[in-house]
């Protein structure tokens, strides 16, 4: 029965070039990284000099910086993969995004760029 459901979802899900799907995923990663970097700067700016004396603060800030660098590396990796593919490779984006629980992210990944709602191209965090 689940195979029938999966087939019916795919039948209603138009094919999207995998390169476009990957570009959309990279766009989401860029948005997340940007938010992390903004949070990093805000925390650092408001922490004060006394925070620099605490090892836990330094380790946490280094962890955020490391996560940001890792996201940038994954972005580059996906873009490199995208450069090796042509538009004949397709995905069914709605089926691919079926497990994503953040509706706004799923919508941006599956909806055409012309119809996807996104306030001025920026991430919405809260």
Protein backbone atom coordinates (compact mmCIF):
# COMPACT_ATOMS: atom_id res chain seq x y z
CA UNK A 1 0.00 0.00 0.00
CA UNK A 2 2.82 2.45 0.82
CA UNK A 3 4.32 1.88 -2.64
CA UNK A 4 1.05 2.92 -4.22
CA UNK A 5 1.01 6.07 -2.11
CA UNK A 6 4.61 6.84 -3.02
CA UNK A 7 3.82 6.40 -6.69
CA UNK A 8 0.80 8.67 -6.50
CA UNK A 9 2.89 11.40 -4.81
CA UNK A 10 5.58 11.13 -7.50
CA UNK A 11 2.95 11.21 -10.26
CA UNK A 12 1.74 14.60 -8.97
CA UNK A 13 5.29 15.86 -8.45
CA UNK A 14 6.76 17.33 -11.63
CA UNK A 15 10.37 16.50 -12.35
CA UNK A 16 12.91 19.13 -11.37
CA UNK A 17 16.45 19.16 -12.76
CA UNK A 18 18.71 17.80 -10.03
CA UNK A 19 21.02 20.77 -10.58
CA UNK A 20 18.19 23.11 -9.59
CA UNK A 21 17.37 20.99 -6.54
CA UNK A 22 21.00 21.09 -5.44
CA UNK A 23 21.19 24.85 -5.98
CA UNK A 24 18.11 25.29 -3.80
CA UNK A 25 19.70 23.13 -1.10
CA UNK A 26 22.88 25.23 -1.26
CA UNK A 27 20.78 28.38 -0.96
CA UNK A 28 19.29 27.01 2.26
CA UNK A 29 22.76 26.15 3.59
CA UNK A 30 23.99 29.66 2.78
CA UNK A 31 21.03 31.08 4.67
CA UNK A 32 21.73 28.90 7.71
CA UNK A 33 25.42 29.79 7.65
CA UNK A 34 24.59 33.47 7.38
CA UNK A 35 22.33 33.23 10.40
CA UNK A 36 25.01 31.41 12.37
CA UNK A 37 27.59 34.03 11.51
CA UNK A 38 25.22 36.83 12.48
CA UNK A 39 24.48 35.11 15.80
CA UNK A 40 28.21 34.61 16.33
CA UNK A 41 28.87 38.32 15.80
CA UNK A 42 25.99 39.35 18.07
CA UNK A 43 27.05 37.04 20.88
CA UNK A 44 30.66 38.11 20.57
CA UNK A 45 29.77 41.82 20.51
CA UNK A 46 27.64 41.58 23.65
CA UNK A 47 29.73 39.13 25.65
CA UNK A 48 32.24 41.65 26.90
CA UNK A 49 35.89 41.20 27.70
CA UNK A 50 35.19 39.08 30.79
CA UNK A 51 33.68 36.33 28.63
CA UNK A 52 36.99 35.89 26.84
CA UNK A 53 38.44 34.65 30.12
CA UNK A 54 36.03 31.71 30.28
CA UNK A 55 37.08 28.54 28.49
CA UNK A 56 33.46 27.45 27.91
CA UNK A 57 32.73 30.67 26.03
CA UNK A 58 35.81 30.30 23.86
CA UNK A 59 35.05 26.64 23.08
CA UNK A 60 31.43 27.51 22.19
CA UNK A 61 32.49 30.35 19.90
CA UNK A 62 35.11 28.14 18.23
CA UNK A 63 32.43 25.47 17.73
CA UNK A 64 30.09 27.95 16.04
CA UNK A 65 32.93 29.12 13.81
CA UNK A 66 33.83 25.53 12.94
CA UNK A 67 30.19 24.70 12.09
CA UNK A 68 30.05 27.72 9.80
CA UNK A 69 33.20 26.59 8.02
CA UNK A 70 31.81 23.07 7.66
CA UNK A 71 28.61 24.42 6.11
CA UNK A 72 30.69 26.46 3.64
CA UNK A 73 32.62 23.32 2.71
CA UNK A 74 29.41 21.33 2.12
CA UNK A 75 28.04 24.22 0.03
CA UNK A 76 31.17 24.13 -2.15
CA UNK A 77 31.02 20.32 -2.44
CA UNK A 78 27.39 20.40 -3.59
CA UNK A 79 28.11 23.20 -6.06
CA UNK A 80 31.02 21.18 -7.44
CA UNK A 81 28.71 18.18 -7.90
CA UNK A 82 26.15 20.43 -9.58
CA UNK A 83 28.79 21.51 -12.07
CA UNK A 84 29.29 17.90 -13.18
CA UNK A 85 25.61 17.24 -13.96
CA UNK A 86 23.37 18.30 -16.78
CA UNK A 87 19.66 19.00 -16.71
CA UNK A 88 18.80 15.52 -17.97
CA UNK A 89 19.13 14.26 -14.38
CA UNK A 90 15.87 14.95 -12.57
CA UNK A 91 14.39 14.53 -9.11
CA UNK A 92 10.88 14.62 -7.75
CA UNK A 93 11.35 17.47 -5.30
CA UNK A 94 8.16 16.99 -3.28
CA UNK A 95 8.99 13.33 -2.70
CA UNK A 96 12.57 14.29 -1.80
CA UNK A 97 11.34 16.89 0.70
CA UNK A 98 8.64 14.68 2.20
CA UNK A 99 10.52 14.15 5.48
CA UNK A 100 11.32 17.82 6.06
CA UNK A 101 9.33 19.08 9.03
CA UNK A 102 10.00 22.80 8.54
CA UNK A 103 7.27 23.80 6.11
CA UNK A 104 8.95 26.99 4.91
CA UNK A 105 12.14 25.10 4.00
CA UNK A 106 10.19 22.35 2.24
CA UNK A 107 8.26 24.97 0.29
CA UNK A 108 11.42 26.78 -0.84
CA UNK A 109 12.98 23.48 -1.92
CA UNK A 110 9.95 22.29 -3.88
CA UNK A 111 8.20 25.36 -5.26
CA UNK A 112 9.27 27.18 -8.37
CA UNK A 113 11.43 30.18 -7.54
CA UNK A 114 8.84 32.51 -9.10
CA UNK A 115 6.08 31.37 -6.74
CA UNK A 116 8.06 30.57 -3.56
CA UNK A 117 7.43 33.07 -0.79
CA UNK A 118 10.55 34.40 0.82
CA UNK A 119 10.80 37.85 2.31
CA UNK A 120 13.31 39.72 0.15
CA UNK A 121 15.45 36.61 -0.20
CA UNK A 122 16.44 36.52 3.46
CA UNK A 123 16.15 33.78 6.03
CA UNK A 124 13.39 33.92 8.59
CA UNK A 125 14.63 32.64 11.93
CA UNK A 126 11.72 33.42 14.28
